[in-house]
Amino acid sequence: MNWEDIIKQEDFILHVGDTITDNKGREGVIESISIAMTPNDPAGEDKEAADVEEYHTKMGYQGAVSFGNHWCYFNQITKVIKAGQGRPQYLR
């Protein structure tokens, strides 16, 4: 199963303010969410990209989140703790 299928199965919403852990073990609070609008922009960095406050993973877009001094693609997120909640959601 590829990462798109895994993330779509999880069906959750990322919000600015949620705490995440990526596949490199880095943890931090989401400061920004960028969604790619073109096929050659996997991180959502082009001028066409959309910066949003929340992202529903069922949409299946490519993009990235920024947290602390780091960023990662959506498919690199392994754990999400919703803002104000202590229970993590594990993606893998």
C-alpha atoms as a PDB file:
ATOM      1  CA  MET A   1       0.000   0.000   0.000  1.00  0.00           C
ATOM      2  CA  ASN A   2       1.436   3.404  -0.911  1.00  0.00           C
ATOM      3  CA  TRP A   3       1.411   6.506   1.303  1.00  0.00           C
ATOM      4  CA  GLU A   4      -1.553   8.099  -0.490  1.00  0.00           C
ATOM      5  CA  ASP A   5      -3.683   5.098   0.400  1.00  0.00           C
ATOM      6  CA  ILE A   6      -2.459   5.117   3.999  1.00  0.00           C
ATOM      7  CA  ILE A   7      -3.189   8.820   4.491  1.00  0.00           C
ATOM      8  CA  LYS A   8      -6.583   8.596   2.785  1.00  0.00           C
ATOM      9  CA  GLN A   9      -7.514   5.697   5.066  1.00  0.00           C
ATOM     10  CA  GLU A  10      -6.703   7.752   8.131  1.00  0.00           C
ATOM     11  CA  ASP A  11      -9.209  10.470   7.145  1.00  0.00           C
ATOM     12  CA  PHE A  12      -8.222  13.200   9.523  1.00  0.00           C
ATOM     13  CA  ILE A  13      -7.889  16.959   9.381  1.00  0.00           C
ATOM     14  CA  LEU A  14      -4.553  18.699   9.971  1.00  0.00           C
ATOM     15  CA  HIS A  15      -4.835  22.121  11.599  1.00  0.00           C
ATOM     16  CA  VAL A  16      -2.345  24.875  12.208  1.00  0.00           C
ATOM     17  CA  GLY A  17      -1.605  24.426  15.924  1.00  0.00           C
ATOM     18  CA  ASP A  18      -1.646  20.598  15.908  1.00  0.00           C
ATOM     19  CA  THR A  19       1.541  18.872  17.079  1.00  0.00           C
ATOM     20  CA  ILE A  20       3.100  16.415  14.635  1.00  0.00           C
ATOM     21  CA  THR A  21       5.971  13.965  14.469  1.00  0.00           C
ATOM     22  CA  ASP A  22       7.551  13.148  11.121  1.00  0.00           C
ATOM     23  CA  ASN A  23       9.309  10.031   9.896  1.00  0.00           C
ATOM     24  CA  LYS A  24      12.672  11.487  10.996  1.00  0.00           C
ATOM     25  CA  GLY A  25      11.474  11.747  14.606  1.00  0.00           C
ATOM     26  CA  ARG A  26      11.199  15.536  14.562  1.00  0.00           C
ATOM     27  CA  GLU A  27       8.287  16.953  16.532  1.00  0.00           C
ATOM     28  CA  GLY A  28       6.696  20.383  16.584  1.00  0.00           C
ATOM     29  CA  VAL A  29       3.573  22.483  16.267  1.00  0.00           C
ATOM     30  CA  ILE A  30       2.253  23.055  12.744  1.00  0.00           C
ATOM     31  CA  GLU A  31       2.823  26.699  11.852  1.00  0.00           C
ATOM     32  CA  SER A  32       1.732  26.560   8.207  1.00  0.00           C
ATOM     33  CA  ILE A  33       0.127  24.178   5.715  1.00  0.00           C
ATOM     34  CA  SER A  34       0.839  24.560   1.993  1.00  0.00           C
ATOM     35  CA  ILE A  35      -1.076  22.692  -0.702  1.00  0.00           C
ATOM     36  CA  ALA A  36       0.418  22.171  -4.154  1.00  0.00           C
ATOM     37  CA  MET A  37      -1.679  23.314  -7.102  1.00  0.00           C
ATOM     38  CA  THR A  38       0.638  22.073  -9.860  1.00  0.00           C
ATOM     39  CA  PRO A  39       2.053  18.568 -10.462  1.00  0.00           C
ATOM     40  CA  ASN A  40       5.690  19.687 -10.286  1.00  0.00           C
ATOM     41  CA  ASP A  41       5.388  21.353  -6.871  1.00  0.00           C
ATOM     42  CA  PRO A  42       5.193  18.563  -4.272  1.00  0.00           C
ATOM     43  CA  ALA A  43       5.925  20.876  -1.331  1.00  0.00           C
ATOM     44  CA  GLY A  44       3.458  23.624  -2.246  1.00  0.00           C
ATOM     45  CA  GLU A  45       6.146  26.271  -2.748  1.00  0.00           C
ATOM     46  CA  ASP A  46       5.135  27.743  -6.130  1.00  0.00           C
ATOM     47  CA  LYS A  47       3.169  30.982  -6.374  1.00  0.00           C
ATOM     48  CA  GLU A  48       0.116  28.912  -7.351  1.00  0.00           C
ATOM     49  CA  ALA A  49       0.219  26.994  -4.042  1.00  0.00           C
ATOM     50  CA  ALA A  50      -2.429  27.605  -1.403  1.00  0.00           C
ATOM     51  CA  ASP A  51      -1.656  28.347   2.233  1.00  0.00           C
ATOM     52  CA  VAL A  52      -4.471  27.054   4.422  1.00  0.00           C
ATOM     53  CA  GLU A  53      -5.375  26.787   8.106  1.00  0.00           C
ATOM     54  CA  GLU A  54      -6.584  23.192   7.813  1.00  0.00           C
ATOM     55  CA  TYR A  55      -6.287  20.309   5.394  1.00  0.00           C
ATOM     56  CA  HIS A  56      -8.506  17.237   5.151  1.00  0.00           C
ATOM     57  CA  THR A  57      -6.335  14.265   4.149  1.00  0.00           C
ATOM     58  CA  LYS A  58      -9.126  12.625   2.123  1.00  0.00           C
ATOM     59  CA  MET A  59      -8.543  15.345  -0.498  1.00  0.00           C
ATOM     60  CA  GLY A  60      -5.311  13.613  -1.532  1.00  0.00           C
ATOM     61  CA  TYR A  61      -3.332  16.724  -2.465  1.00  0.00           C
ATOM     62  CA  GLN A  62       0.448  17.025  -2.320  1.00  0.00           C
ATOM     63  CA  GLY A  63       1.893  19.593   0.013  1.00  0.00           C
ATOM     64  CA  ALA A  64       3.860  20.236   3.161  1.00  0.00           C
ATOM     65  CA  VAL A  65       3.662  21.544   6.701  1.00  0.00           C
ATOM     66  CA  SER A  66       6.119  23.788   8.519  1.00  0.00           C
ATOM     67  CA  PHE A  67       6.828  23.171  12.195  1.00  0.00           C
ATOM     68  CA  GLY A  68       9.565  24.901  14.199  1.00  0.00           C
ATOM     69  CA  ASN A  69      12.679  25.085  12.031  1.00  0.00           C
ATOM     70  CA  HIS A  70      11.500  22.095   9.983  1.00  0.00           C
ATOM     71  CA  TRP A  71       9.099  21.126   7.239  1.00  0.00           C
ATOM     72  CA  CYS A  72       7.899  17.825   5.831  1.00  0.00           C
ATOM     73  CA  TYR A  73       5.622  16.504   3.133  1.00  0.00           C
ATOM     74  CA  PHE A  74       2.177  15.284   4.151  1.00  0.00           C
ATOM     75  CA  ASN A  75       3.315  11.689   3.548  1.00  0.00           C
ATOM     76  CA  GLN A  76       6.133  12.047   6.088  1.00  0.00           C
ATOM     77  CA  ILE A  77       3.806  12.747   9.021  1.00  0.00           C
ATOM     78  CA  THR A  78       3.643   9.735  11.343  1.00  0.00           C
ATOM     79  CA  LYS A  79       1.784  11.114  14.382  1.00  0.00           C
ATOM     80  CA  VAL A  80      -0.664  13.961  15.007  1.00  0.00           C
ATOM     81  CA  ILE A  81      -1.783  15.332  18.360  1.00  0.00           C
ATOM     82  CA  LYS A  82      -4.762  17.617  17.884  1.00  0.00           C
ATOM     83  CA  ALA A  83      -4.404  21.044  19.493  1.00  0.00           C
ATOM     84  CA  GLY A  84      -5.781  20.876  23.038  1.00  0.00           C
ATOM     85  CA  GLN A  85      -5.867  17.069  23.131  1.00  0.00           C
ATOM     86  CA  GLY A  86      -3.328  14.668  24.551  1.00  0.00           C
ATOM     87  CA  ARG A  87      -4.156  11.556  22.511  1.00  0.00           C
ATOM     88  CA  PRO A  88      -2.050  11.068  19.370  1.00  0.00           C
ATOM     89  CA  GLN A  89      -3.287   9.699  16.048  1.00  0.00           C
ATOM     90  CA  TYR A  90      -0.682   7.396  14.534  1.00  0.00           C
ATOM     91  CA  LEU A  91      -0.528   7.152  10.772  1.00  0.00           C
ATOM     92  CA  ARG A  92       1.759   4.130  10.538  1.00  0.00           C
END
